[in-house]
């Protein structure tokens, strides 16, 4: 599936693109004169279980109670 399509391509293939987004879950960016204008993605109900939303979001979990030093933050480096 294409990641980006122009407005004219989207107009011609809208139903096909909708089906692909539903099946694959990968969003499609609709462009206007080469610039992103709209993102089409699969709908997700916001009333999901909060723990299900956070599932698999923690990369490492070594010692959660230890203090955090300034050098530990990637954003500060």
C-alpha atoms as a PDB file:
ATOM      1  CA  UNK A   1       0.000   0.000   0.000  1.00  0.00           C
ATOM      2  CA  UNK A   2       1.126   3.528  -0.695  1.00  0.00           C
ATOM      3  CA  UNK A   3       1.946   5.645   2.330  1.00  0.00           C
ATOM      4  CA  UNK A   4       1.172   8.914   0.521  1.00  0.00           C
ATOM      5  CA  UNK A   5      -1.331   9.701  -2.228  1.00  0.00           C
ATOM      6  CA  UNK A   6      -2.375  12.927  -3.900  1.00  0.00           C
ATOM      7  CA  UNK A   7      -5.921  14.242  -3.556  1.00  0.00           C
ATOM      8  CA  UNK A   8      -6.714  13.201  -7.129  1.00  0.00           C
ATOM      9  CA  UNK A   9      -5.408   9.655  -6.533  1.00  0.00           C
ATOM     10  CA  UNK A  10      -7.366   9.490  -3.288  1.00  0.00           C
ATOM     11  CA  UNK A  11     -10.550  10.562  -5.024  1.00  0.00           C
ATOM     12  CA  UNK A  12     -10.155   7.823  -7.628  1.00  0.00           C
ATOM     13  CA  UNK A  13      -9.209   5.070  -5.144  1.00  0.00           C
ATOM     14  CA  UNK A  14     -10.884   6.107  -1.881  1.00  0.00           C
ATOM     15  CA  UNK A  15     -12.771   2.859  -1.206  1.00  0.00           C
ATOM     16  CA  UNK A  16      -9.731   0.740  -2.031  1.00  0.00           C
ATOM     17  CA  UNK A  17      -7.546   2.852   0.263  1.00  0.00           C
ATOM     18  CA  UNK A  18     -10.128   2.676   3.076  1.00  0.00           C
ATOM     19  CA  UNK A  19     -10.154  -1.136   2.847  1.00  0.00           C
ATOM     20  CA  UNK A  20      -6.363  -1.301   2.934  1.00  0.00           C
ATOM     21  CA  UNK A  21      -6.193   0.967   5.990  1.00  0.00           C
ATOM     22  CA  UNK A  22      -8.810  -1.196   7.738  1.00  0.00           C
ATOM     23  CA  UNK A  23      -6.934  -4.415   6.929  1.00  0.00           C
ATOM     24  CA  UNK A  24      -3.342  -3.330   7.550  1.00  0.00           C
ATOM     25  CA  UNK A  25      -3.789  -0.596  10.153  1.00  0.00           C
ATOM     26  CA  UNK A  26      -1.223   1.532   8.308  1.00  0.00           C
ATOM     27  CA  UNK A  27      -2.295   5.157   7.786  1.00  0.00           C
ATOM     28  CA  UNK A  28      -2.397   6.931   4.430  1.00  0.00           C
ATOM     29  CA  UNK A  29      -1.328  10.555   4.047  1.00  0.00           C
ATOM     30  CA  UNK A  30      -3.321  12.539   1.485  1.00  0.00           C
ATOM     31  CA  UNK A  31      -1.247  15.317  -0.044  1.00  0.00           C
ATOM     32  CA  UNK A  32      -2.172  18.621  -1.648  1.00  0.00           C
ATOM     33  CA  UNK A  33       0.473  19.833  -4.097  1.00  0.00           C
ATOM     34  CA  UNK A  34       3.001  17.510  -2.480  1.00  0.00           C
ATOM     35  CA  UNK A  35       2.373  18.671   1.090  1.00  0.00           C
ATOM     36  CA  UNK A  36       0.573  16.504   3.670  1.00  0.00           C
ATOM     37  CA  UNK A  37      -3.025  17.632   4.128  1.00  0.00           C
ATOM     38  CA  UNK A  38      -4.982  14.754   5.709  1.00  0.00           C
ATOM     39  CA  UNK A  39      -4.154  11.482   7.440  1.00  0.00           C
ATOM     40  CA  UNK A  40      -6.548   8.547   7.044  1.00  0.00           C
ATOM     41  CA  UNK A  41      -6.143   5.907   9.729  1.00  0.00           C
ATOM     42  CA  UNK A  42      -8.099   3.137  11.411  1.00  0.00           C
ATOM     43  CA  UNK A  43     -10.575   4.249  14.069  1.00  0.00           C
ATOM     44  CA  UNK A  44      -9.850   3.202  17.630  1.00  0.00           C
ATOM     45  CA  UNK A  45     -12.390   3.515  20.394  1.00  0.00           C
ATOM     46  CA  UNK A  46     -11.001   5.821  23.091  1.00  0.00           C
ATOM     47  CA  UNK A  47     -12.920   3.935  25.771  1.00  0.00           C
ATOM     48  CA  UNK A  48     -10.328   1.145  25.742  1.00  0.00           C
ATOM     49  CA  UNK A  49      -8.912  -0.222  28.974  1.00  0.00           C
ATOM     50  CA  UNK A  50      -6.082   2.100  30.128  1.00  0.00           C
ATOM     51  CA  UNK A  51      -3.818  -0.868  30.782  1.00  0.00           C
ATOM     52  CA  UNK A  52      -4.405  -2.174  27.249  1.00  0.00           C
ATOM     53  CA  UNK A  53      -3.318   1.215  25.884  1.00  0.00           C
ATOM     54  CA  UNK A  54      -0.067   1.076  27.896  1.00  0.00           C
ATOM     55  CA  UNK A  55       0.677  -2.580  27.099  1.00  0.00           C
ATOM     56  CA  UNK A  56       4.181  -3.057  25.609  1.00  0.00           C
ATOM     57  CA  UNK A  57       5.022   0.648  26.032  1.00  0.00           C
ATOM     58  CA  UNK A  58       7.788   0.141  28.627  1.00  0.00           C
ATOM     59  CA  UNK A  59      11.124  -0.665  27.000  1.00  0.00           C
ATOM     60  CA  UNK A  60      13.174  -1.319  30.157  1.00  0.00           C
ATOM     61  CA  UNK A  61      12.209  -1.606  33.785  1.00  0.00           C
ATOM     62  CA  UNK A  62      15.267  -2.116  35.988  1.00  0.00           C
ATOM     63  CA  UNK A  63      14.856  -0.268  39.279  1.00  0.00           C
ATOM     64  CA  UNK A  64      11.796   2.006  39.307  1.00  0.00           C
ATOM     65  CA  UNK A  65      12.428   3.390  42.786  1.00  0.00           C
ATOM     66  CA  UNK A  66      16.000   4.585  42.223  1.00  0.00           C
ATOM     67  CA  UNK A  67      16.515   8.360  41.797  1.00  0.00           C
ATOM     68  CA  UNK A  68      16.958   9.722  38.296  1.00  0.00           C
ATOM     69  CA  UNK A  69      20.142  11.678  37.634  1.00  0.00           C
ATOM     70  CA  UNK A  70      20.419  14.503  35.102  1.00  0.00           C
ATOM     71  CA  UNK A  71      22.583  12.329  32.807  1.00  0.00           C
ATOM     72  CA  UNK A  72      19.866   9.654  32.664  1.00  0.00           C
ATOM     73  CA  UNK A  73      17.515  11.764  30.562  1.00  0.00           C
ATOM     74  CA  UNK A  74      18.082  11.370  26.830  1.00  0.00           C
ATOM     75  CA  UNK A  75      16.425  14.718  26.141  1.00  0.00           C
ATOM     76  CA  UNK A  76      19.050  16.551  28.182  1.00  0.00           C
ATOM     77  CA  UNK A  77      22.003  14.944  26.389  1.00  0.00           C
END
